[in-house]
PDB file of N, CA and C in Angstrom:
ATOM      1  N   UNK A   1     108.213 109.980   0.066  1.00  0.00           N
ATOM      2  CA  UNK A   1     107.903 110.136   1.626  1.00  0.00           C
ATOM      3  C   UNK A   1     109.282 109.374   2.120  1.00  0.00           C
ATOM      4  N   UNK A   2     109.746 109.896   3.201  1.00  0.00           N
ATOM      5  CA  UNK A   2     110.863 109.139   3.815  1.00  0.00           C
ATOM      6  C   UNK A   2     110.309 108.528   5.118  1.00  0.00           C
ATOM      7  N   UNK A   3     110.484 107.194   5.042  1.00  0.00           N
ATOM      8  CA  UNK A   3     110.247 106.400   6.310  1.00  0.00           C
ATOM      9  C   UNK A   3     111.308 105.496   6.770  1.00  0.00           C
ATOM     10  N   UNK A   4     111.343 105.341   8.003  1.00  0.00           N
ATOM     11  CA  UNK A   4     112.369 104.442   8.566  1.00  0.00           C
ATOM     12  C   UNK A   4     111.675 103.427   9.602  1.00  0.00           C
ATOM     13  N   UNK A   5     111.902 102.069   9.233  1.00  0.00           N
ATOM     14  CA  UNK A   5     111.334 101.116   9.986  1.00  0.00           C
ATOM     15  C   UNK A   5     112.346 100.303  10.733  1.00  0.00           C
ATOM     16  N   UNK A   6     112.008 100.111  12.023  1.00  0.00           N
ATOM     17  CA  UNK A   6     112.922  99.270  12.856  1.00  0.00           C
ATOM     18  C   UNK A   6     112.136  98.301  13.781  1.00  0.00           C
ATOM     19  N   UNK A   7     112.645  97.295  14.276  1.00  0.00           N
ATOM     20  CA  UNK A   7     112.003  96.363  15.115  1.00  0.00           C
ATOM     21  C   UNK A   7     112.490  96.595  16.515  1.00  0.00           C
ATOM     22  N   UNK A   8     111.574  96.721  17.473  1.00  0.00           N
ATOM     23  CA  UNK A   8     111.889  96.863  18.849  1.00  0.00           C
ATOM     24  C   UNK A   8     110.972  95.868  19.660  1.00  0.00           C
ATOM     25  N   UNK A   9     111.600  94.873  20.158  1.00  0.00           N
ATOM     26  CA  UNK A   9     110.863  93.715  20.790  1.00  0.00           C
ATOM     27  C   UNK A   9     110.007  93.063  19.663  1.00  0.00           C
ATOM     28  N   UNK A  10     108.519  93.025  20.027  1.00  0.00           N
ATOM     29  CA  UNK A  10     107.738  92.428  18.876  1.00  0.00           C
ATOM     30  C   UNK A  10     107.043  93.487  18.254  1.00  0.00           C
ATOM     31  N   UNK A  11     107.497  94.875  18.206  1.00  0.00           N
ATOM     32  CA  UNK A  11     106.861  96.112  17.640  1.00  0.00           C
ATOM     33  C   UNK A  11     107.645  96.391  16.379  1.00  0.00           C
ATOM     34  N   UNK A  12     106.929  96.706  15.332  1.00  0.00           N
ATOM     35  CA  UNK A  12     107.347  97.257  14.083  1.00  0.00           C
ATOM     36  C   UNK A  12     107.312  98.791  14.306  1.00  0.00           C
ATOM     37  N   UNK A  13     108.329  99.601  14.388  1.00  0.00           N
ATOM     38  CA  UNK A  13     108.365 100.947  14.606  1.00  0.00           C
ATOM     39  C   UNK A  13     108.652 101.646  13.318  1.00  0.00           C
ATOM     40  N   UNK A  14     107.640 102.474  12.951  1.00  0.00           N
ATOM     41  CA  UNK A  14     107.585 103.206  11.572  1.00  0.00           C
ATOM     42  C   UNK A  14     107.749 104.693  11.931  1.00  0.00           C
ATOM     43  N   UNK A  15     108.882 105.368  11.705  1.00  0.00           N
ATOM     44  CA  UNK A  15     109.059 106.709  11.957  1.00  0.00           C
ATOM     45  C   UNK A  15     108.914 107.378  10.521  1.00  0.00           C
ATOM     46  N   UNK A  16     108.140 108.433  10.476  1.00  0.00           N
ATOM     47  CA  UNK A  16     107.880 109.227   9.368  1.00  0.00           C
ATOM     48  C   UNK A  16     108.834 110.414   9.452  1.00  0.00           C
ATOM     49  N   UNK A  17     109.692 110.506   8.415  1.00  0.00           N
ATOM     50  CA  UNK A  17     110.776 111.481   8.599  1.00  0.00           C
ATOM     51  C   UNK A  17     110.249 112.878   7.886  1.00  0.00           C
ATOM     52  N   UNK A  18     109.114 112.840   7.272  1.00  0.00           N
ATOM     53  CA  UNK A  18     108.822 113.958   6.614  1.00  0.00           C
ATOM     54  C   UNK A  18     108.066 114.934   7.571  1.00  0.00           C
ATOM     55  N   UNK A  19     108.056 116.204   7.160  1.00  0.00           N
ATOM     56  CA  UNK A  19     107.198 117.220   8.057  1.00  0.00           C
ATOM     57  C   UNK A  19     105.949 117.364   7.764  1.00  0.00           C
ATOM     58  N   UNK A  20     105.443 116.809   6.605  1.00  0.00           N
ATOM     59  CA  UNK A  20     104.007 116.912   6.132  1.00  0.00           C
ATOM     60  C   UNK A  20     103.539 115.582   5.751  1.00  0.00           C
ATOM     61  N   UNK A  21     102.234 115.303   6.009  1.00  0.00           N
ATOM     62  CA  UNK A  21     101.546 114.084   5.633  1.00  0.00           C
ATOM     63  C   UNK A  21     100.186 114.714   4.827  1.00  0.00           C
ATOM     64  N   UNK A  22     100.289 114.696   3.495  1.00  0.00           N
ATOM     65  CA  UNK A  22      99.287 115.222   2.790  1.00  0.00           C
ATOM     66  C   UNK A  22      98.928 114.561   1.580  1.00  0.00           C
ATOM     67  N   UNK A  23      98.203 115.090   0.678  1.00  0.00           N
ATOM     68  CA  UNK A  23      97.825 114.429  -0.604  1.00  0.00           C
ATOM     69  C   UNK A  23      98.926 114.034  -1.353  1.00  0.00           C
ATOM     70  N   UNK A  24     100.109 114.724  -1.412  1.00  0.00           N
ATOM     71  CA  UNK A  24     101.227 114.384  -2.153  1.00  0.00           C
ATOM     72  C   UNK A  24     101.865 113.000  -1.683  1.00  0.00           C
ATOM     73  N   UNK A  25     101.865 112.684  -0.461  1.00  0.00           N
ATOM     74  CA  UNK A  25     102.560 111.576  -0.033  1.00  0.00           C
ATOM     75  C   UNK A  25     101.705 110.422   0.739  1.00  0.00           C
ATOM     76  N   UNK A  26     100.468 110.866   1.037  1.00  0.00           N
ATOM     77  CA  UNK A  26      99.614 109.625   1.807  1.00  0.00           C
ATOM     78  C   UNK A  26      99.534 108.512   1.200  1.00  0.00           C
ATOM     79  N   UNK A  27      99.423 108.527  -0.070  1.00  0.00           N
ATOM     80  CA  UNK A  27      99.158 107.093  -0.896  1.00  0.00           C
ATOM     81  C   UNK A  27     100.426 106.261  -0.517  1.00  0.00           C
ATOM     82  N   UNK A  28     101.605 106.670  -0.485  1.00  0.00           N
ATOM     83  CA  UNK A  28     102.778 105.905  -0.241  1.00  0.00           C
ATOM     84  C   UNK A  28     102.791 105.437   1.071  1.00  0.00           C
ATOM     85  N   UNK A  29     102.178 106.143   2.030  1.00  0.00           N
ATOM     86  CA  UNK A  29     102.041 105.767   3.541  1.00  0.00           C
ATOM     87  C   UNK A  29     101.083 104.618   3.578  1.00  0.00           C
ATOM     88  N   UNK A  30      99.890 104.815   2.902  1.00  0.00           N
ATOM     89  CA  UNK A  30      98.798 103.696   2.929  1.00  0.00           C
ATOM     90  C   UNK A  30      99.635 102.426   2.445  1.00  0.00           C
ATOM     91  N   UNK A  31     100.115 102.452   1.210  1.00  0.00           N
ATOM     92  CA  UNK A  31     100.733 101.383   0.669  1.00  0.00           C
ATOM     93  C   UNK A  31     101.850 100.698   1.437  1.00  0.00           C
ATOM     94  N   UNK A  32     102.679 101.458   2.220  1.00  0.00           N
ATOM     95  CA  UNK A  32     103.586 100.972   3.149  1.00  0.00           C
ATOM     96  C   UNK A  32     102.829 100.246   4.412  1.00  0.00           C
ATOM     97  N   UNK A  33     101.948 100.923   4.889  1.00  0.00           N
ATOM     98  CA  UNK A  33     101.315 100.351   5.969  1.00  0.00           C
ATOM     99  C   UNK A  33     100.687  98.967   5.627  1.00  0.00           C
ATOM    100  N   UNK A  34      99.964  99.014   4.487  1.00  0.00           N
ATOM    101  CA  UNK A  34      99.352  97.714   4.032  1.00  0.00           C
ATOM    102  C   UNK A  34     100.316  96.557   3.724  1.00  0.00           C
ATOM    103  N   UNK A  35     101.533  96.831   3.160  1.00  0.00           N
ATOM    104  CA  UNK A  35     102.553  95.831   3.015  1.00  0.00           C
ATOM    105  C   UNK A  35     102.979  95.319   4.411  1.00  0.00           C
ATOM    106  N   UNK A  36     103.023  96.200   5.362  1.00  0.00           N
ATOM    107  CA  UNK A  36     103.487  95.794   6.673  1.00  0.00           C
ATOM    108  C   UNK A  36     102.474  94.857   7.268  1.00  0.00           C
ATOM    109  N   UNK A  37     101.325  95.209   7.177  1.00  0.00           N
ATOM    110  CA  UNK A  37     100.224  94.407   7.781  1.00  0.00           C
ATOM    111  C   UNK A  37      99.961  92.975   7.008  1.00  0.00           C
ATOM    112  N   UNK A  38     100.124  93.033   5.674  1.00  0.00           N
ATOM    113  CA  UNK A  38     100.053  91.880   4.804  1.00  0.00           C
ATOM    114  C   UNK A  38     101.263  91.003   5.064  1.00  0.00           C
ATOM    115  N   UNK A  39     102.362  91.511   5.447  1.00  0.00           N
ATOM    116  CA  UNK A  39     103.613  90.672   5.696  1.00  0.00           C
ATOM    117  C   UNK A  39     103.660  89.998   7.154  1.00  0.00           C
ATOM    118  N   UNK A  40     102.506  90.269   7.770  1.00  0.00           N
ATOM    119  CA  UNK A  40     102.512  89.642   9.155  1.00  0.00           C
ATOM    120  C   UNK A  40     102.743  90.505  10.392  1.00  0.00           C
ATOM    121  N   UNK A  41     103.103  91.803  10.230  1.00  0.00           N
ATOM    122  CA  UNK A  41     103.307  92.750  11.495  1.00  0.00           C
ATOM    123  C   UNK A  41     101.863  92.799  12.231  1.00  0.00           C
ATOM    124  N   UNK A  42     102.046  92.613  13.490  1.00  0.00           N
ATOM    125  CA  UNK A  42     100.815  92.570  14.310  1.00  0.00           C
ATOM    126  C   UNK A  42     100.858  93.633  15.379  1.00  0.00           C
ATOM    127  N   UNK A  43     101.984  94.377  15.532  1.00  0.00           N
ATOM    128  CA  UNK A  43     102.025  95.408  16.539  1.00  0.00           C
ATOM    129  C   UNK A  43     102.882  96.587  15.823  1.00  0.00           C
ATOM    130  N   UNK A  44     102.111  97.623  15.380  1.00  0.00           N
ATOM    131  CA  UNK A  44     102.781  98.808  14.753  1.00  0.00           C
ATOM    132  C   UNK A  44     102.702 100.082  15.529  1.00  0.00           C
ATOM    133  N   UNK A  45     103.846 100.720  15.602  1.00  0.00           N
ATOM    134  CA  UNK A  45     103.830 101.844  16.217  1.00  0.00           C
ATOM    135  C   UNK A  45     104.287 103.039  15.162  1.00  0.00           C
ATOM    136  N   UNK A  46     103.460 104.009  14.977  1.00  0.00           N
ATOM    137  CA  UNK A  46     103.938 105.045  13.974  1.00  0.00           C
ATOM    138  C   UNK A  46     104.315 106.238  14.810  1.00  0.00           C
ATOM    139  N   UNK A  47     105.660 106.681  14.490  1.00  0.00           N
ATOM    140  CA  UNK A  47     106.093 107.797  15.327  1.00  0.00           C
ATOM    141  C   UNK A  47     105.997 109.006  14.408  1.00  0.00           C
ATOM    142  N   UNK A  48     105.203 110.019  14.869  1.00  0.00           N
ATOM    143  CA  UNK A  48     104.966 111.249  14.219  1.00  0.00           C
ATOM    144  C   UNK A  48     105.885 112.501  14.547  1.00  0.00           C
ATOM    145  N   UNK A  49     107.091 112.171  15.239  1.00  0.00           N
ATOM    146  CA  UNK A  49     107.842 113.344  15.863  1.00  0.00           C
ATOM    147  C   UNK A  49     108.265 114.364  14.953  1.00  0.00           C
ATOM    148  N   UNK A  50     108.423 114.134  13.774  1.00  0.00           N
ATOM    149  CA  UNK A  50     108.989 115.020  12.693  1.00  0.00           C
ATOM    150  C   UNK A  50     107.728 115.649  11.933  1.00  0.00           C
ATOM    151  N   UNK A  51     106.556 115.219  12.021  1.00  0.00           N
ATOM    152  CA  UNK A  51     105.389 115.669  11.379  1.00  0.00           C
ATOM    153  C   UNK A  51     104.861 116.942  11.953  1.00  0.00           C
ATOM    154  N   UNK A  52     104.793 117.959  11.078  1.00  0.00           N
ATOM    155  CA  UNK A  52     104.447 119.301  11.711  1.00  0.00           C
ATOM    156  C   UNK A  52     102.996 119.670  11.032  1.00  0.00           C
ATOM    157  N   UNK A  53     102.555 118.877   9.881  1.00  0.00           N
ATOM    158  CA  UNK A  53     101.236 119.225   9.279  1.00  0.00           C
ATOM    159  C   UNK A  53     100.660 117.885   8.898  1.00  0.00           C
ATOM    160  N   UNK A  54      99.442 117.749   9.094  1.00  0.00           N
ATOM    161  CA  UNK A  54      98.779 116.505   8.411  1.00  0.00           C
ATOM    162  C   UNK A  54      97.389 117.030   8.016  1.00  0.00           C
ATOM    163  N   UNK A  55      96.990 116.618   6.738  1.00  0.00           N
ATOM    164  CA  UNK A  55      95.666 117.109   6.211  1.00  0.00           C
ATOM    165  C   UNK A  55      94.861 115.844   6.314  1.00  0.00           C
ATOM    166  N   UNK A  56      93.558 115.948   5.719  1.00  0.00           N
ATOM    167  CA  UNK A  56      92.583 114.871   5.696  1.00  0.00           C
ATOM    168  C   UNK A  56      93.015 113.579   5.051  1.00  0.00           C
ATOM    169  N   UNK A  57      93.826 113.776   3.913  1.00  0.00           N
ATOM    170  CA  UNK A  57      94.401 112.445   3.398  1.00  0.00           C
ATOM    171  C   UNK A  57      95.428 111.848   4.159  1.00  0.00           C
ATOM    172  N   UNK A  58      96.151 112.675   4.966  1.00  0.00           N
ATOM    173  CA  UNK A  58      97.145 111.963   5.901  1.00  0.00           C
ATOM    174  C   UNK A  58      96.374 111.191   7.003  1.00  0.00           C
ATOM    175  N   UNK A  59      95.341 111.873   7.567  1.00  0.00           N
ATOM    176  CA  UNK A  59      94.514 111.275   8.592  1.00  0.00           C
ATOM    177  C   UNK A  59      93.880 109.988   7.980  1.00  0.00           C
ATOM    178  N   UNK A  60      93.533 110.098   6.837  1.00  0.00           N
ATOM    179  CA  UNK A  60      92.935 109.046   6.096  1.00  0.00           C
ATOM    180  C   UNK A  60      93.846 107.884   6.008  1.00  0.00           C
ATOM    181  N   UNK A  61      95.034 108.025   5.591  1.00  0.00           N
ATOM    182  CA  UNK A  61      95.928 107.044   5.394  1.00  0.00           C
ATOM    183  C   UNK A  61      96.286 106.360   6.892  1.00  0.00           C
ATOM    184  N   UNK A  62      96.413 106.930   7.925  1.00  0.00           N
ATOM    185  CA  UNK A  62      96.568 106.433   9.185  1.00  0.00           C
ATOM    186  C   UNK A  62      95.289 105.612   9.636  1.00  0.00           C
ATOM    187  N   UNK A  63      94.094 106.126   9.337  1.00  0.00           N
ATOM    188  CA  UNK A  63      92.931 105.302   9.629  1.00  0.00           C
ATOM    189  C   UNK A  63      92.750 104.113   8.858  1.00  0.00           C
ATOM    190  N   UNK A  64      93.390 104.078   7.594  1.00  0.00           N
ATOM    191  CA  UNK A  64      93.364 103.020   6.588  1.00  0.00           C
ATOM    192  C   UNK A  64      94.319 102.071   7.385  1.00  0.00           C
ATOM    193  N   UNK A  65      95.417 102.398   7.970  1.00  0.00           N
ATOM    194  CA  UNK A  65      96.235 101.411   8.775  1.00  0.00           C
ATOM    195  C   UNK A  65      95.609 100.913   9.994  1.00  0.00           C
ATOM    196  N   UNK A  66      94.964 101.678  10.752  1.00  0.00           N
ATOM    197  CA  UNK A  66      94.307 101.288  11.856  1.00  0.00           C
ATOM    198  C   UNK A  66      93.201 100.388  11.599  1.00  0.00           C
ATOM    199  N   UNK A  67      92.418 100.448  10.632  1.00  0.00           N
ATOM    200  CA  UNK A  67      91.341  99.592  10.231  1.00  0.00           C
ATOM    201  C   UNK A  67      91.797  98.271   9.770  1.00  0.00           C
ATOM    202  N   UNK A  68      92.950  98.261   8.933  1.00  0.00           N
ATOM    203  CA  UNK A  68      93.422  96.844   8.351  1.00  0.00           C
ATOM    204  C   UNK A  68      94.070  96.246   9.721  1.00  0.00           C
ATOM    205  N   UNK A  69      94.733  96.974  10.593  1.00  0.00           N
ATOM    206  CA  UNK A  69      95.271  96.317  11.763  1.00  0.00           C
ATOM    207  C   UNK A  69      94.246  95.703  12.529  1.00  0.00           C
ATOM    208  N   UNK A  70      93.061  96.384  12.946  1.00  0.00           N
ATOM    209  CA  UNK A  70      92.010  95.934  13.783  1.00  0.00           C
ATOM    210  C   UNK A  70      91.296  94.830  13.192  1.00  0.00           C
ATOM    211  N   UNK A  71      91.267  94.676  11.903  1.00  0.00           N
ATOM    212  CA  UNK A  71      90.803  93.534  11.106  1.00  0.00           C
ATOM    213  C   UNK A  71      91.676  92.269  11.358  1.00  0.00           C
ATOM    214  N   UNK A  72      92.791  92.470  11.731  1.00  0.00           N
ATOM    215  CA  UNK A  72      93.779  91.283  11.959  1.00  0.00           C
ATOM    216  C   UNK A  72      93.938  91.117  13.632  1.00  0.00           C
ATOM    217  N   UNK A  73      93.168  92.034  14.357  1.00  0.00           N
ATOM    218  CA  UNK A  73      93.278  91.942  15.935  1.00  0.00           C
ATOM    219  C   UNK A  73      94.664  92.317  16.331  1.00  0.00           C
ATOM    220  N   UNK A  74      95.327  93.207  15.674  1.00  0.00           N
ATOM    221  CA  UNK A  74      96.558  93.672  15.909  1.00  0.00           C
ATOM    222  C   UNK A  74      96.484  95.014  16.701  1.00  0.00           C
ATOM    223  N   UNK A  75      97.720  95.457  17.133  1.00  0.00           N
ATOM    224  CA  UNK A  75      97.736  96.894  17.713  1.00  0.00           C
ATOM    225  C   UNK A  75      98.422  97.883  16.646  1.00  0.00           C
ATOM    226  N   UNK A  76      97.892  99.137  16.719  1.00  0.00           N
ATOM    227  CA  UNK A  76      98.290 100.175  15.898  1.00  0.00           C
ATOM    228  C   UNK A  76      98.252 101.466  16.858  1.00  0.00           C
ATOM    229  N   UNK A  77      99.469 101.851  17.102  1.00  0.00           N
ATOM    230  CA  UNK A  77      99.681 103.032  17.993  1.00  0.00           C
ATOM    231  C   UNK A  77     100.408 104.170  17.347  1.00  0.00           C
ATOM    232  N   UNK A  78     100.092 105.371  17.850  1.00  0.00           N
ATOM    233  CA  UNK A  78     100.601 106.545  17.365  1.00  0.00           C
ATOM    234  C   UNK A  78     101.549 107.129  18.512  1.00  0.00           C
ATOM    235  N   UNK A  79     102.665 107.703  18.271  1.00  0.00           N
ATOM    236  CA  UNK A  79     103.459 108.260  19.441  1.00  0.00           C
ATOM    237  C   UNK A  79     104.096 109.661  18.910  1.00  0.00           C
ATOM    238  N   UNK A  80     104.625 110.298  19.909  1.00  0.00           N
ATOM    239  CA  UNK A  80     105.318 111.492  19.628  1.00  0.00           C
ATOM    240  C   UNK A  80     104.683 112.491  18.817  1.00  0.00           C
ATOM    241  N   UNK A  81     103.345 112.831  18.846  1.00  0.00           N
ATOM    242  CA  UNK A  81     102.620 113.682  17.993  1.00  0.00           C
ATOM    243  C   UNK A  81     102.808 115.018  18.450  1.00  0.00           C
ATOM    244  N   UNK A  82     103.249 115.887  17.614  1.00  0.00           N
ATOM    245  CA  UNK A  82     103.457 117.296  17.785  1.00  0.00           C
ATOM    246  C   UNK A  82     102.218 118.024  18.043  1.00  0.00           C
ATOM    247  N   UNK A  83     102.236 119.090  18.889  1.00  0.00           N
ATOM    248  CA  UNK A  83     100.937 119.817  19.435  1.00  0.00           C
ATOM    249  C   UNK A  83     100.011 120.076  18.183  1.00  0.00           C
ATOM    250  N   UNK A  84     100.588 120.711  17.101  1.00  0.00           N
ATOM    251  CA  UNK A  84      99.795 121.256  16.105  1.00  0.00           C
ATOM    252  C   UNK A  84      99.065 120.106  15.230  1.00  0.00           C
ATOM    253  N   UNK A  85      99.762 119.052  15.392  1.00  0.00           N
ATOM    254  CA  UNK A  85      99.161 117.790  14.602  1.00  0.00           C
ATOM    255  C   UNK A  85      98.049 117.183  15.564  1.00  0.00           C
ATOM    256  N   UNK A  86      98.459 117.153  16.829  1.00  0.00           N
ATOM    257  CA  UNK A  86      97.569 116.579  17.816  1.00  0.00           C
ATOM    258  C   UNK A  86      96.215 117.350  17.732  1.00  0.00           C
ATOM    259  N   UNK A  87      96.199 118.695  17.569  1.00  0.00           N
ATOM    260  CA  UNK A  87      95.110 119.412  17.507  1.00  0.00           C
ATOM    261  C   UNK A  87      94.093 119.003  16.288  1.00  0.00           C
ATOM    262  N   UNK A  88      94.664 118.408  15.246  1.00  0.00           N
ATOM    263  CA  UNK A  88      93.949 117.799  14.114  1.00  0.00           C
ATOM    264  C   UNK A  88      93.176 116.711  14.696  1.00  0.00           C
ATOM    265  N   UNK A  89      93.957 115.698  15.310  1.00  0.00           N
ATOM    266  CA  UNK A  89      93.185 114.549  15.927  1.00  0.00           C
ATOM    267  C   UNK A  89      92.247 114.922  16.827  1.00  0.00           C
ATOM    268  N   UNK A  90      92.295 115.947  17.678  1.00  0.00           N
ATOM    269  CA  UNK A  90      91.313 116.365  18.663  1.00  0.00           C
ATOM    270  C   UNK A  90      90.090 116.879  17.924  1.00  0.00           C
ATOM    271  N   UNK A  91      90.283 117.734  16.929  1.00  0.00           N
ATOM    272  CA  UNK A  91      89.354 118.488  16.343  1.00  0.00           C
ATOM    273  C   UNK A  91      88.381 117.468  15.466  1.00  0.00           C
ATOM    274  N   UNK A  92      89.056 116.494  15.077  1.00  0.00           N
ATOM    275  CA  UNK A  92      88.247 115.386  14.310  1.00  0.00           C
ATOM    276  C   UNK A  92      87.896 114.248  15.211  1.00  0.00           C
ATOM    277  N   UNK A  93      88.315 114.409  16.391  1.00  0.00           N
ATOM    278  CA  UNK A  93      87.668 113.455  17.407  1.00  0.00           C
ATOM    279  C   UNK A  93      88.364 112.037  17.152  1.00  0.00           C
ATOM    280  N   UNK A  94      89.483 112.058  16.450  1.00  0.00           N
ATOM    281  CA  UNK A  94      90.356 110.798  16.182  1.00  0.00           C
ATOM    282  C   UNK A  94      91.076 110.387  17.424  1.00  0.00           C
ATOM    283  N   UNK A  95      91.208 111.199  18.407  1.00  0.00           N
ATOM    284  CA  UNK A  95      91.882 110.785  19.707  1.00  0.00           C
ATOM    285  C   UNK A  95      90.968 109.738  20.379  1.00  0.00           C
ATOM    286  N   UNK A  96      89.625 109.515  19.958  1.00  0.00           N
ATOM    287  CA  UNK A  96      88.813 108.451  20.426  1.00  0.00           C
ATOM    288  C   UNK A  96      89.033 107.156  19.678  1.00  0.00           C
ATOM    289  N   UNK A  97      89.715 107.215  18.585  1.00  0.00           N
ATOM    290  CA  UNK A  97      89.807 106.063  17.746  1.00  0.00           C
ATOM    291  C   UNK A  97      91.311 105.503  17.763  1.00  0.00           C
ATOM    292  N   UNK A  98      92.226 106.318  17.845  1.00  0.00           N
ATOM    293  CA  UNK A  98      93.694 105.754  17.838  1.00  0.00           C
ATOM    294  C   UNK A  98      94.140 105.668  19.239  1.00  0.00           C
ATOM    295  N   UNK A  99      94.974 104.607  19.568  1.00  0.00           N
ATOM    296  CA  UNK A  99      95.926 104.564  20.719  1.00  0.00           C
ATOM    297  C   UNK A  99      97.029 105.607  20.480  1.00  0.00           C
ATOM    298  N   UNK A 100      97.041 106.652  21.295  1.00  0.00           N
ATOM    299  CA  UNK A 100      97.959 107.768  21.298  1.00  0.00           C
ATOM    300  C   UNK A 100      98.829 107.768  22.556  1.00  0.00           C
ATOM    301  N   UNK A 101     100.186 107.642  22.427  1.00  0.00           N
ATOM    302  CA  UNK A 101     101.048 107.640  23.474  1.00  0.00           C
ATOM    303  C   UNK A 101     102.049 108.763  23.301  1.00  0.00           C
ATOM    304  N   UNK A 102     102.710 109.187  24.475  1.00  0.00           N
ATOM    305  CA  UNK A 102     103.592 110.298  24.491  1.00  0.00           C
ATOM    306  C   UNK A 102     104.951 109.849  23.715  1.00  0.00           C
ATOM    307  N   UNK A 103     105.312 108.603  23.815  1.00  0.00           N
ATOM    308  CA  UNK A 103     106.537 108.163  23.389  1.00  0.00           C
ATOM    309  C   UNK A 103     106.428 106.550  23.094  1.00  0.00           C
ATOM    310  N   UNK A 104     107.510 105.999  22.504  1.00  0.00           N
ATOM    311  CA  UNK A 104     107.638 104.510  22.349  1.00  0.00           C
ATOM    312  C   UNK A 104     107.591 103.805  23.721  1.00  0.00           C
ATOM    313  N   UNK A 105     108.460 104.281  24.569  1.00  0.00           N
ATOM    314  CA  UNK A 105     108.697 103.588  25.965  1.00  0.00           C
ATOM    315  C   UNK A 105     107.240 103.449  26.589  1.00  0.00           C
ATOM    316  N   UNK A 106     106.357 104.473  26.439  1.00  0.00           N
ATOM    317  CA  UNK A 106     104.993 104.270  27.056  1.00  0.00           C
ATOM    318  C   UNK A 106     104.229 102.958  26.312  1.00  0.00           C
ATOM    319  N   UNK A 107     104.373 102.878  25.105  1.00  0.00           N
ATOM    320  CA  UNK A 107     103.777 101.871  24.382  1.00  0.00           C
ATOM    321  C   UNK A 107     104.347 100.428  24.951  1.00  0.00           C
ATOM    322  N   UNK A 108     105.680 100.367  24.895  1.00  0.00           N
ATOM    323  CA  UNK A 108     106.374  99.181  25.191  1.00  0.00           C
ATOM    324  C   UNK A 108     106.149  98.740  26.722  1.00  0.00           C
ATOM    325  N   UNK A 109     105.742  99.618  27.679  1.00  0.00           N
ATOM    326  CA  UNK A 109     105.399  99.196  29.025  1.00  0.00           C
ATOM    327  C   UNK A 109     104.046  98.911  29.195  1.00  0.00           C
ATOM    328  N   UNK A 110     103.191  99.177  28.313  1.00  0.00           N
ATOM    329  CA  UNK A 110     101.689  98.943  28.437  1.00  0.00           C
ATOM    330  C   UNK A 110     101.332  97.558  27.944  1.00  0.00           C
TER     331      UNK A 110
END
């Protein structure tokens, strides 16, 4: 899985470069998110602008990160979700669970 991490203000911005998050790469995403949280990151933004497909294991990996961040009273936000991926979040009602923003600037100004 190709991931890019950058710091913007007090946010850790993780951009997923792959077009798919599925059973083949979701374990690496979970591991990476856990490493970020355990190393002290308290504000994580996951950019999904390149992701065109996500399955249940991909959703599970993001839920894993959200759950662990909530336990640390931190912020876990998703941005730049493509329409076909957003439909999976809507179908599973995960739009009620995650903080979802149009882009990074929207997160930074809230």
